[in-house]
Amino acid sequence: MPRPTLDRTAFAKAPDGSAVDRWTLDNGRGVLAEVLTYGATLHSLQVPDPKGPVDSVVLTLPTLADYAQRSPYFGAVIGRYANRIDRGRFSLDGHSHRLPVNDRGHTLHGGPQGFHHRVWRAQPEPAGRNGAVSLGLSLTSRHGDMGFPGTLVVSVTYTLDRHGNLRLHYTARTDRPTVVNLTHHAYFNLAGAGAGDILGHTLALDADAYLPVTADAIPHGTATPTAGTPFDFAEPRAIGTRMTEDDPQVRAAGGYDHCWVLTEPPTESLLRRAARLADPGSGRRMEVWTTEPGIQVYTGNALDGTLRSPAGKPYERHGAICLETQHFPDSPNRPDFPSTVLRPGATFRSATEFRFPHLPGPRLL
């Protein structure tokens, strides 16, 4: 039987001249994850369908220049603060902080030079139980980086086990009070990257409330029940079935770009299910499990066919869905939301796992 492997190849040079490597995690059973050190990016995730054919279920770009200049965060680890901070401002312990703005006057995904544009340091991890292969990546973000206080030391570990589960485990430490919200920004299409839109995929969310947003995507008010609205995914249904309704939230976003509040309270170490995604055509299914309190669902509303796969397939509007496990947007300005403050001596920990229950064998690491 083939053994799990972890291999490194040179990929390209970053804009600053740094070498960027591509690491390949192969579970020896048909599931293969490629990770770039640029942005700690999941470059490809090859998953068989129930009949055997293999496709990448995440959108992939051909060159590093595409990732550096044109990518809407494809596959990247996002930080320091995933999602939006209102007007790029927040106060912490009586001190005001100003961040560069890069989205309609707000700070999005850590600012214009967030973690998605950094070259991370890679380190193979010891082989785990169940034949798992792991790759650790680390990054130091200095005090004042993109306006955030404190020097933050961040690590993320990708682990692929022999059953095809892909887990991301994050840690961070700081030397002075700061805010942290990390997520992963893979664009999923279970039919295969570039295989049309995901409106026929079925989605279920383990959430009964979501955060309404302003016209420029900042949460306002309090969590709103989803029952009876286009945001109700308590039971699996096709993503596109209610996107044409005259709902102001869906209309303003051009689809979904909202954070759902997960029903079960978050814990630092216990994963609980957040989402189920399925493609009826290929038969592929995916579950998202996390320790985070929320999940941002984005239905590729801004994709327009200008970005293409390495095989030349255009990524059309709604050609993928992002399922970003995270704390809530603008939490540094919302004391009613779960805190994202990290203080010296404490360790930020978070984990998210993508499981593919259509594959044979047990599903747990």
Protein backbone atom coordinates (compact mmCIF):
# COMPACT_ATOMS: atom_id res chain seq x y z
CA MET A 1 0.00 0.00 0.00
CA PRO A 2 1.39 3.48 -0.86
CA ARG A 3 2.74 5.38 2.12
CA PRO A 4 1.89 9.01 2.96
CA THR A 5 4.56 11.44 1.75
CA LEU A 6 5.58 15.07 2.14
CA ASP A 7 7.69 16.61 -0.63
CA ARG A 8 9.05 20.05 -1.45
CA THR A 9 9.68 21.65 -4.84
CA ALA A 10 10.70 25.18 -5.82
CA PHE A 11 7.72 27.16 -7.12
CA ALA A 12 8.78 30.76 -7.90
CA LYS A 13 10.21 33.97 -6.48
CA ALA A 14 8.09 36.35 -4.44
CA PRO A 15 7.96 40.05 -5.42
CA ASP A 16 10.67 40.76 -2.84
CA GLY A 17 12.90 38.05 -4.31
CA SER A 18 12.26 35.46 -1.60
CA ALA A 19 12.08 31.84 -2.70
CA VAL A 20 8.60 30.33 -2.61
CA ASP A 21 8.26 26.57 -2.26
CA ARG A 22 5.38 24.22 -2.96
CA TRP A 23 4.91 21.42 -0.45
CA THR A 24 2.86 18.38 -1.40
CA LEU A 25 1.08 16.35 1.29
CA ASP A 26 -0.02 13.00 -0.12
CA ASN A 27 -2.00 10.62 2.06
CA GLY A 28 -1.21 7.68 -0.25
CA ARG A 29 -4.92 7.03 -0.82
CA GLY A 30 -5.77 9.54 -3.51
CA VAL A 31 -6.02 12.78 -1.53
CA LEU A 32 -3.27 15.30 -2.14
CA ALA A 33 -2.83 18.85 -0.81
CA GLU A 34 -0.37 21.36 -2.26
CA VAL A 35 0.66 24.26 0.00
CA LEU A 36 2.66 27.31 -1.04
CA THR A 37 4.86 29.15 1.44
CA TYR A 38 3.51 32.37 -0.10
CA GLY A 39 0.48 33.23 2.01
CA ALA A 40 0.56 29.72 3.54
CA THR A 41 -1.74 29.10 0.57
CA LEU A 42 -3.63 25.89 -0.16
CA HIS A 43 -2.72 25.81 -3.84
CA SER A 44 -4.57 22.61 -4.68
CA LEU A 45 -6.62 19.94 -2.92
CA GLN A 46 -7.05 16.84 -5.05
CA VAL A 47 -9.98 14.70 -3.90
CA PRO A 48 -11.48 11.64 -5.64
CA ASP A 49 -15.20 11.45 -6.24
CA PRO A 50 -17.06 8.26 -5.19
CA LYS A 51 -16.30 6.62 -8.55
CA GLY A 52 -12.59 7.43 -8.46
CA PRO A 53 -11.90 10.43 -10.75
CA VAL A 54 -9.78 13.09 -9.02
CA ASP A 55 -10.10 16.87 -9.29
CA SER A 56 -8.90 19.85 -7.27
CA VAL A 57 -11.87 21.00 -5.19
CA VAL A 58 -10.29 24.41 -4.50
CA LEU A 59 -9.69 27.16 -7.02
CA THR A 60 -6.05 27.32 -8.08
CA LEU A 61 -4.05 29.98 -9.92
CA PRO A 62 -1.28 29.16 -12.43
CA THR A 63 1.55 31.47 -11.31
CA LEU A 64 2.86 33.27 -8.26
CA ALA A 65 2.29 36.56 -10.07
CA ASP A 66 -1.41 35.69 -10.15
CA TYR A 67 -1.43 35.17 -6.39
CA ALA A 68 0.61 38.32 -5.72
CA GLN A 69 -1.24 40.69 -8.07
CA ARG A 70 -4.73 39.39 -8.85
CA SER A 71 -5.86 36.82 -6.32
CA PRO A 72 -8.97 37.50 -4.22
CA TYR A 73 -7.30 35.58 -1.36
CA PHE A 74 -7.46 32.17 -3.09
CA GLY A 75 -6.51 29.52 -0.52
CA ALA A 76 -4.60 31.91 1.76
CA VAL A 77 -4.28 32.06 5.54
CA ILE A 78 -5.74 35.43 6.53
CA GLY A 79 -4.49 37.71 9.31
CA ARG A 80 -3.95 39.55 11.47
CA TYR A 81 -7.63 40.17 11.36
CA ALA A 82 -9.90 38.22 9.03
CA ASN A 83 -12.92 40.02 7.62
CA ARG A 84 -13.55 43.73 8.20
CA ILE A 85 -12.74 46.37 10.80
CA ASP A 86 -14.97 49.42 10.53
CA ARG A 87 -13.12 52.43 9.05
CA GLY A 88 -9.80 50.82 9.96
CA ARG A 89 -10.05 51.99 13.56
CA PHE A 90 -10.29 50.39 16.98
CA SER A 91 -9.35 51.15 20.57
CA LEU A 92 -7.69 48.74 22.99
CA ASP A 93 -6.96 49.51 26.64
CA GLY A 94 -7.56 53.20 25.99
CA HIS A 95 -5.19 53.40 23.00
CA SER A 96 -6.52 54.17 19.51
CA HIS A 97 -5.14 52.31 16.50
CA ARG A 98 -5.43 53.25 12.83
CA LEU A 99 -5.09 50.63 10.10
CA PRO A 100 -4.74 51.07 6.33
CA VAL A 101 -8.09 50.69 4.59
CA ASN A 102 -8.52 48.55 1.48
CA ASP A 103 -12.26 47.86 1.10
CA ARG A 104 -14.80 50.68 0.79
CA GLY A 105 -13.08 52.68 3.52
CA HIS A 106 -12.62 49.71 5.85
CA THR A 107 -9.79 47.31 6.64
CA LEU A 108 -10.32 43.87 5.08
CA HIS A 109 -8.36 40.70 5.86
CA GLY A 110 -5.49 42.40 7.67
CA GLY A 111 -5.00 45.25 5.22
CA PRO A 112 -3.40 45.50 1.78
CA GLN A 113 -0.27 43.65 2.91
CA GLY A 114 -1.83 41.08 5.19
CA PHE A 115 -0.56 37.58 5.85
CA HIS A 116 -1.74 36.45 2.40
CA HIS A 117 1.14 38.45 0.86
CA ARG A 118 3.90 37.12 3.16
CA VAL A 119 6.36 34.29 2.63
CA TRP A 120 6.00 31.91 5.56
CA ARG A 121 8.76 29.66 6.90
CA ALA A 122 7.95 25.97 6.44
CA GLN A 123 8.96 23.08 8.65
CA PRO A 124 7.91 19.43 8.17
CA GLU A 125 6.27 18.04 11.29
CA PRO A 126 6.87 14.56 12.73
CA ALA A 127 4.59 11.87 11.33
CA GLY A 128 1.36 11.67 13.28
CA ARG A 129 -0.93 8.85 14.23
CA ASN A 130 -3.14 7.30 11.58
CA GLY A 131 -0.43 7.88 8.99
CA ALA A 132 -0.97 11.65 9.00
CA VAL A 133 1.50 13.99 7.28
CA SER A 134 1.90 17.54 8.57
CA LEU A 135 3.52 20.77 7.48
CA GLY A 136 4.08 23.64 9.87
CA LEU A 137 4.37 27.23 8.68
CA SER A 138 5.34 30.22 10.80
CA LEU A 139 5.42 33.98 10.47
CA THR A 140 6.48 36.92 12.64
CA SER A 141 4.43 40.09 12.29
CA ARG A 142 6.27 43.01 13.90
CA HIS A 143 4.75 45.65 16.16
CA GLY A 144 3.00 48.20 13.97
CA ASP A 145 2.62 45.85 11.00
CA MET A 146 -0.45 47.14 9.09
CA GLY A 147 -1.10 49.34 12.14
CA PHE A 148 -1.67 46.50 14.61
CA PRO A 149 -0.01 46.67 18.03
CA GLY A 150 2.38 44.02 19.30
CA THR A 151 4.82 41.64 17.68
CA LEU A 152 2.78 38.56 16.81
CA VAL A 153 4.35 35.13 16.24
CA VAL A 154 1.93 32.97 14.26
CA SER A 155 1.97 29.34 13.21
CA VAL A 156 -0.37 27.22 11.14
CA THR A 157 -0.08 23.48 10.66
CA TYR A 158 -1.67 21.62 7.76
CA THR A 159 -2.32 17.96 8.58
CA LEU A 160 -3.61 15.45 6.04
CA ASP A 161 -4.54 12.06 7.45
CA ARG A 162 -4.95 8.72 5.68
CA HIS A 163 -8.75 9.12 5.63
CA GLY A 164 -8.52 12.37 3.65
CA ASN A 165 -9.28 14.82 6.47
CA LEU A 166 -7.38 18.10 6.15
CA ARG A 167 -6.92 19.97 9.42
CA LEU A 168 -5.54 23.46 10.00
CA HIS A 169 -4.31 24.27 13.48
CA TYR A 170 -3.38 27.87 14.32
CA THR A 171 -1.48 29.39 17.25
CA ALA A 172 -0.34 32.93 17.97
CA ARG A 173 1.51 34.74 20.76
CA THR A 174 2.11 38.45 21.30
CA ASP A 175 4.40 40.70 23.35
CA ARG A 176 1.72 43.35 23.97
CA PRO A 177 -2.08 43.46 23.80
CA THR A 178 -3.46 43.10 20.28
CA VAL A 179 -6.40 41.65 18.35
CA VAL A 180 -6.24 38.41 16.35
CA ASN A 181 -8.71 36.72 14.03
CA LEU A 182 -7.28 34.09 11.68
CA THR A 183 -9.09 32.16 8.97
CA HIS A 184 -8.55 30.16 5.81
CA HIS A 185 -9.83 31.50 2.49
CA ALA A 186 -10.14 28.48 0.20
CA TYR A 187 -12.64 28.76 -2.64
CA PHE A 188 -14.41 25.39 -2.92
CA ASN A 189 -16.12 23.81 -5.91
CA LEU A 190 -16.74 20.12 -5.27
CA ALA A 191 -17.35 19.52 -8.98
CA GLY A 192 -13.78 20.65 -9.64
CA ALA A 193 -12.08 24.00 -10.07
CA GLY A 194 -13.55 25.76 -13.10
CA ALA A 195 -16.43 23.29 -13.48
CA GLY A 196 -19.19 25.91 -13.49
CA ASP A 197 -21.03 27.55 -10.60
CA ILE A 198 -21.85 26.17 -7.17
CA LEU A 199 -25.49 27.29 -7.11
CA GLY A 200 -26.62 23.66 -7.38
CA HIS A 201 -24.39 22.53 -4.52
CA THR A 202 -26.37 21.85 -1.36
CA LEU A 203 -25.37 23.61 1.84
CA ALA A 204 -26.36 23.12 5.47
CA LEU A 205 -25.11 25.31 8.32
CA ASP A 206 -25.15 24.47 12.00
CA ALA A 207 -26.42 27.95 12.78
CA ASP A 208 -29.81 29.56 13.38
CA ALA A 209 -28.72 33.21 13.29
CA TYR A 210 -26.59 35.46 11.11
CA LEU A 211 -25.14 38.98 11.27
CA PRO A 212 -26.87 41.50 8.99
CA VAL A 213 -24.49 44.03 7.44
CA THR A 214 -24.50 47.55 6.07
CA ALA A 215 -24.18 48.23 2.35
CA ASP A 216 -20.39 48.04 2.76
CA ALA A 217 -20.47 44.76 4.72
CA ILE A 218 -20.00 45.96 8.32
CA PRO A 219 -22.23 44.14 10.87
CA HIS A 220 -24.97 46.28 12.35
CA GLY A 221 -27.47 45.50 15.07
CA THR A 222 -27.51 42.07 16.63
CA ALA A 223 -27.63 38.50 15.39
CA THR A 224 -30.85 37.86 13.47
CA PRO A 225 -32.70 34.51 13.35
CA THR A 226 -32.46 32.82 9.96
CA ALA A 227 -35.81 31.00 10.09
CA GLY A 228 -38.03 31.94 7.18
CA THR A 229 -35.31 33.97 5.42
CA PRO A 230 -32.92 33.25 2.53
CA PHE A 231 -30.29 32.72 5.24
CA ASP A 232 -31.96 29.59 6.59
CA PHE A 233 -29.66 26.64 5.86
CA ALA A 234 -30.68 24.57 8.88
CA GLU A 235 -31.45 21.75 6.45
CA PRO A 236 -29.48 21.09 3.24
CA ARG A 237 -30.73 23.02 0.23
CA ALA A 238 -29.29 24.22 -3.06
CA ILE A 239 -27.31 27.42 -2.54
CA GLY A 240 -28.98 29.24 -5.42
CA THR A 241 -32.62 28.49 -4.54
CA ARG A 242 -33.28 31.75 -2.67
CA MET A 243 -30.55 34.02 -4.00
CA THR A 244 -32.92 35.65 -6.50
CA GLU A 245 -35.41 36.72 -3.84
CA ASP A 246 -35.84 40.43 -3.23
CA ASP A 247 -33.98 40.36 0.07
CA PRO A 248 -31.97 43.56 0.67
CA GLN A 249 -29.09 41.71 2.31
CA VAL A 250 -28.68 39.21 -0.54
CA ARG A 251 -29.28 41.88 -3.18
CA ALA A 252 -26.62 44.24 -1.79
CA ALA A 253 -23.98 41.49 -1.65
CA GLY A 254 -24.91 39.95 -5.01
CA GLY A 255 -25.30 36.66 -3.18
CA TYR A 256 -24.09 35.61 0.26
CA ASP A 257 -21.19 37.36 2.02
CA HIS A 258 -22.28 37.10 5.64
CA CYS A 259 -21.23 35.62 8.95
CA TRP A 260 -23.43 32.96 10.53
CA VAL A 261 -23.39 32.49 14.32
CA LEU A 262 -22.76 28.83 15.06
CA THR A 263 -25.28 27.22 17.37
CA GLU A 264 -22.87 25.41 19.67
CA PRO A 265 -20.65 27.68 21.78
CA PRO A 266 -16.97 27.76 20.82
CA THR A 267 -14.25 25.92 22.68
CA GLU A 268 -10.49 26.13 22.31
CA SER A 269 -9.95 22.46 21.60
CA LEU A 270 -13.25 20.71 20.80
CA LEU A 271 -14.20 20.69 17.12
CA ARG A 272 -17.89 20.90 16.30
CA ARG A 273 -19.56 20.82 12.93
CA ALA A 274 -20.20 24.13 11.19
CA ALA A 275 -21.19 23.26 7.62
CA ARG A 276 -22.03 20.48 5.16
CA LEU A 277 -21.50 20.97 1.43
CA ALA A 278 -22.37 18.50 -1.34
CA ASP A 279 -22.25 18.41 -5.14
CA PRO A 280 -25.02 16.17 -6.52
CA GLY A 281 -23.25 15.79 -9.87
CA SER A 282 -19.89 14.45 -8.71
CA GLY A 283 -21.13 12.91 -5.46
CA ARG A 284 -18.43 14.67 -3.45
CA ARG A 285 -19.37 15.80 0.03
CA MET A 286 -17.49 17.94 2.54
CA GLU A 287 -17.99 18.81 6.18
CA VAL A 288 -16.39 21.76 7.99
CA TRP A 289 -15.59 21.36 11.68
CA THR A 290 -14.14 24.13 13.82
CA THR A 291 -13.44 25.63 17.24
CA GLU A 292 -14.53 29.09 16.07
CA PRO A 293 -17.81 30.88 16.93
CA GLY A 294 -18.77 31.87 13.37
CA ILE A 295 -18.50 31.01 9.70
CA GLN A 296 -18.39 33.57 6.89
CA VAL A 297 -20.07 32.23 3.76
CA TYR A 298 -19.04 33.91 0.50
CA THR A 299 -20.48 32.70 -2.80
CA GLY A 300 -17.84 34.06 -5.18
CA ASN A 301 -19.97 37.07 -6.06
CA ALA A 302 -17.08 39.06 -7.55
CA LEU A 303 -15.65 36.30 -9.75
CA ASP A 304 -16.13 37.34 -13.37
CA GLY A 305 -14.20 34.90 -15.56
CA THR A 306 -11.00 36.93 -15.78
CA LEU A 307 -9.14 34.53 -13.46
CA ARG A 308 -8.49 31.07 -14.87
CA SER A 309 -7.31 27.69 -13.71
CA PRO A 310 -3.91 26.31 -14.78
CA ALA A 311 -5.84 24.41 -17.48
CA GLY A 312 -7.36 27.66 -18.75
CA LYS A 313 -10.87 27.20 -17.31
CA PRO A 314 -12.47 30.55 -16.37
CA TYR A 315 -13.67 31.10 -12.84
CA GLU A 316 -17.13 32.53 -13.45
CA ARG A 317 -19.42 34.35 -11.04
CA HIS A 318 -20.52 32.06 -8.19
CA GLY A 319 -17.89 29.57 -9.36
CA ALA A 320 -16.93 28.68 -5.79
CA ILE A 321 -17.95 29.06 -2.16
CA CYS A 322 -15.77 30.13 0.77
CA LEU A 323 -16.53 28.72 4.21
CA GLU A 324 -14.35 30.86 6.46
CA THR A 325 -14.40 29.79 10.11
CA GLN A 326 -13.59 32.79 12.29
CA HIS A 327 -14.59 35.26 14.98
CA PHE A 328 -17.10 37.89 14.00
CA PRO A 329 -16.33 40.85 11.74
CA ASP A 330 -15.49 44.16 13.48
CA SER A 331 -15.29 42.49 16.91
CA PRO A 332 -12.65 44.99 18.16
CA ASN A 333 -15.41 47.65 17.95
CA ARG A 334 -18.20 45.43 19.25
CA PRO A 335 -17.92 44.59 22.97
CA ASP A 336 -21.10 42.50 22.60
CA PHE A 337 -19.25 40.07 20.29
CA PRO A 338 -16.84 37.36 21.54
CA SER A 339 -13.50 39.00 22.27
CA THR A 340 -10.59 38.78 19.82
CA VAL A 341 -8.09 40.36 22.23
CA LEU A 342 -4.83 38.47 22.78
CA ARG A 343 -2.56 39.46 25.67
CA PRO A 344 1.06 38.63 26.52
CA GLY A 345 1.42 35.27 28.19
CA ALA A 346 -1.70 33.86 26.52
CA THR A 347 -1.79 31.72 23.38
CA PHE A 348 -4.36 32.05 20.63
CA ARG A 349 -5.45 28.60 19.46
CA SER A 350 -7.89 27.67 16.72
CA ALA A 351 -8.54 24.64 14.55
CA THR A 352 -10.62 23.88 11.48
CA GLU A 353 -10.98 20.59 9.66
CA PHE A 354 -12.32 19.74 6.22
CA ARG A 355 -13.72 16.20 6.05
CA PHE A 356 -14.89 14.30 2.98
CA PRO A 357 -17.44 11.71 4.15
CA HIS A 358 -17.93 10.25 0.66
CA LEU A 359 -14.41 8.76 0.92
CA PRO A 360 -14.12 5.27 2.44
CA GLY A 361 -13.03 4.66 6.00
CA PRO A 362 -13.41 6.41 9.39
CA ARG A 363 -13.62 10.19 9.35
CA LEU A 364 -11.77 11.12 12.54
CA LEU A 365 -8.10 11.96 12.98
